[in-house]
Amino acid sequence: MGRQDGHVVVERLGQSADAGVLLARELGAQQIIVATDNDEAGEEQGKALAAVLDNAGVPWFYHRPPGGTKDWNKYLLQQKEVTA
């Protein structure tokens, strides 16, 4: 597993953020990308994970889907349609 794999693992762990931080450190991740849905639940989850990462001293970047799109899958599908 490489550095990018650590990012994906932490994203999929969701509520197990502490375990994700430990795994990210073990993998040598230099920064974690927090990518949540563009709604209230996503914002709350992003803030919670950011707090865990801050407490652990792990650098992070928070990103939500642009343009008012609710989730990343819809955004990516829209981009695919635009470029097709």
C-alpha atoms as a PDB file:
ATOM      1  CA  MET A   1       0.000   0.000   0.000  1.00  0.00           C
ATOM      2  CA  GLY A   2       1.237   3.443  -0.869  1.00  0.00           C
ATOM      3  CA  ARG A   3       0.582   6.927   0.442  1.00  0.00           C
ATOM      4  CA  GLN A   4      -2.564   7.420  -1.652  1.00  0.00           C
ATOM      5  CA  ASP A   5      -3.975   4.131  -0.376  1.00  0.00           C
ATOM      6  CA  GLY A   6      -3.868   5.583   3.129  1.00  0.00           C
ATOM      7  CA  HIS A   7      -6.068   8.449   2.001  1.00  0.00           C
ATOM      8  CA  VAL A   8      -8.696   6.082   0.625  1.00  0.00           C
ATOM      9  CA  VAL A   9      -8.598   3.873   3.716  1.00  0.00           C
ATOM     10  CA  VAL A  10      -9.193   6.812   6.051  1.00  0.00           C
ATOM     11  CA  GLU A  11     -12.095   8.007   3.873  1.00  0.00           C
ATOM     12  CA  ARG A  12     -13.752   4.585   3.990  1.00  0.00           C
ATOM     13  CA  LEU A  13     -13.272   4.149   7.731  1.00  0.00           C
ATOM     14  CA  GLY A  14     -15.662   7.032   8.384  1.00  0.00           C
ATOM     15  CA  GLN A  15     -16.545   6.831  12.072  1.00  0.00           C
ATOM     16  CA  SER A  16     -13.328   4.918  12.889  1.00  0.00           C
ATOM     17  CA  ALA A  17     -11.245   8.030  12.375  1.00  0.00           C
ATOM     18  CA  ASP A  18      -8.783   7.206  15.170  1.00  0.00           C
ATOM     19  CA  ALA A  19      -7.930   3.887  13.503  1.00  0.00           C
ATOM     20  CA  GLY A  20      -7.579   5.733  10.209  1.00  0.00           C
ATOM     21  CA  VAL A  21      -5.106   8.196  11.723  1.00  0.00           C
ATOM     22  CA  LEU A  22      -3.000   5.328  13.034  1.00  0.00           C
ATOM     23  CA  LEU A  23      -3.042   3.654   9.627  1.00  0.00           C
ATOM     24  CA  ALA A  24      -2.186   6.906   7.847  1.00  0.00           C
ATOM     25  CA  ARG A  25       0.827   7.359  10.132  1.00  0.00           C
ATOM     26  CA  GLU A  26       1.942   3.777   9.570  1.00  0.00           C
ATOM     27  CA  LEU A  27       1.730   4.298   5.800  1.00  0.00           C
ATOM     28  CA  GLY A  28       3.654   7.561   6.055  1.00  0.00           C
ATOM     29  CA  ALA A  29       0.854   9.761   4.693  1.00  0.00           C
ATOM     30  CA  GLN A  30       1.983  13.385   4.566  1.00  0.00           C
ATOM     31  CA  GLN A  31      -1.528  14.803   4.307  1.00  0.00           C
ATOM     32  CA  ILE A  32      -5.083  13.474   4.518  1.00  0.00           C
ATOM     33  CA  ILE A  33      -7.736  14.641   2.086  1.00  0.00           C
ATOM     34  CA  VAL A  34     -11.152  14.833   3.731  1.00  0.00           C
ATOM     35  CA  ALA A  35     -13.828  14.679   1.011  1.00  0.00           C
ATOM     36  CA  THR A  36     -17.421  14.689   2.231  1.00  0.00           C
ATOM     37  CA  ASP A  37     -20.878  15.197   0.777  1.00  0.00           C
ATOM     38  CA  ASN A  38     -22.061  18.769   0.336  1.00  0.00           C
ATOM     39  CA  ASP A  39     -24.786  18.640   2.982  1.00  0.00           C
ATOM     40  CA  GLU A  40     -25.180  19.097   6.728  1.00  0.00           C
ATOM     41  CA  ALA A  41     -24.191  15.505   7.544  1.00  0.00           C
ATOM     42  CA  GLY A  42     -21.090  15.781   5.363  1.00  0.00           C
ATOM     43  CA  GLU A  43     -20.111  19.033   7.021  1.00  0.00           C
ATOM     44  CA  GLU A  44     -20.502  17.516  10.486  1.00  0.00           C
ATOM     45  CA  GLN A  45     -18.482  14.441   9.510  1.00  0.00           C
ATOM     46  CA  GLY A  46     -15.767  16.616   7.968  1.00  0.00           C
ATOM     47  CA  LYS A  47     -15.497  18.770  11.087  1.00  0.00           C
ATOM     48  CA  ALA A  48     -15.343  15.698  13.327  1.00  0.00           C
ATOM     49  CA  LEU A  49     -12.601  14.078  11.261  1.00  0.00           C
ATOM     50  CA  ALA A  50     -10.683  17.356  11.047  1.00  0.00           C
ATOM     51  CA  ALA A  51     -10.738  17.602  14.850  1.00  0.00           C
ATOM     52  CA  VAL A  52      -9.341  14.067  15.171  1.00  0.00           C
ATOM     53  CA  LEU A  53      -6.629  14.842  12.618  1.00  0.00           C
ATOM     54  CA  ASP A  54      -5.750  18.138  14.349  1.00  0.00           C
ATOM     55  CA  ASN A  55      -5.466  16.398  17.717  1.00  0.00           C
ATOM     56  CA  ALA A  56      -3.187  13.779  16.156  1.00  0.00           C
ATOM     57  CA  GLY A  57      -1.043  16.405  14.439  1.00  0.00           C
ATOM     58  CA  VAL A  58      -1.853  15.030  10.979  1.00  0.00           C
ATOM     59  CA  PRO A  59      -2.037  17.639   8.191  1.00  0.00           C
ATOM     60  CA  TRP A  60      -5.322  17.604   6.282  1.00  0.00           C
ATOM     61  CA  PHE A  61      -7.190  19.316   3.480  1.00  0.00           C
ATOM     62  CA  TYR A  62     -11.006  19.543   3.435  1.00  0.00           C
ATOM     63  CA  HIS A  63     -12.791  19.500   0.101  1.00  0.00           C
ATOM     64  CA  ARG A  64     -16.492  19.383  -0.780  1.00  0.00           C
ATOM     65  CA  PRO A  65     -18.059  18.994  -4.219  1.00  0.00           C
ATOM     66  CA  PRO A  66     -18.120  22.321  -6.080  1.00  0.00           C
ATOM     67  CA  GLY A  67     -21.072  24.105  -7.602  1.00  0.00           C
ATOM     68  CA  GLY A  68     -23.674  23.043  -5.072  1.00  0.00           C
ATOM     69  CA  THR A  69     -23.473  19.396  -6.136  1.00  0.00           C
ATOM     70  CA  LYS A  70     -24.539  17.139  -3.239  1.00  0.00           C
ATOM     71  CA  ASP A  71     -21.972  14.373  -3.583  1.00  0.00           C
ATOM     72  CA  TRP A  72     -18.754  13.545  -5.406  1.00  0.00           C
ATOM     73  CA  ASN A  73     -20.240  10.787  -7.527  1.00  0.00           C
ATOM     74  CA  LYS A  74     -22.850  13.150  -9.031  1.00  0.00           C
ATOM     75  CA  TYR A  75     -20.195  15.803  -9.620  1.00  0.00           C
ATOM     76  CA  LEU A  76     -17.886  13.365 -11.405  1.00  0.00           C
ATOM     77  CA  LEU A  77     -20.713  12.026 -13.542  1.00  0.00           C
ATOM     78  CA  GLN A  78     -21.637  15.601 -14.537  1.00  0.00           C
ATOM     79  CA  GLN A  79     -18.020  16.268 -15.508  1.00  0.00           C
ATOM     80  CA  LYS A  80     -17.968  13.110 -17.619  1.00  0.00           C
ATOM     81  CA  GLU A  81     -21.111  14.292 -19.476  1.00  0.00           C
ATOM     82  CA  VAL A  82     -19.586  17.727 -20.118  1.00  0.00           C
ATOM     83  CA  THR A  83     -16.412  16.273 -21.620  1.00  0.00           C
ATOM     84  CA  ALA A  84     -18.187  13.585 -23.695  1.00  0.00           C
END
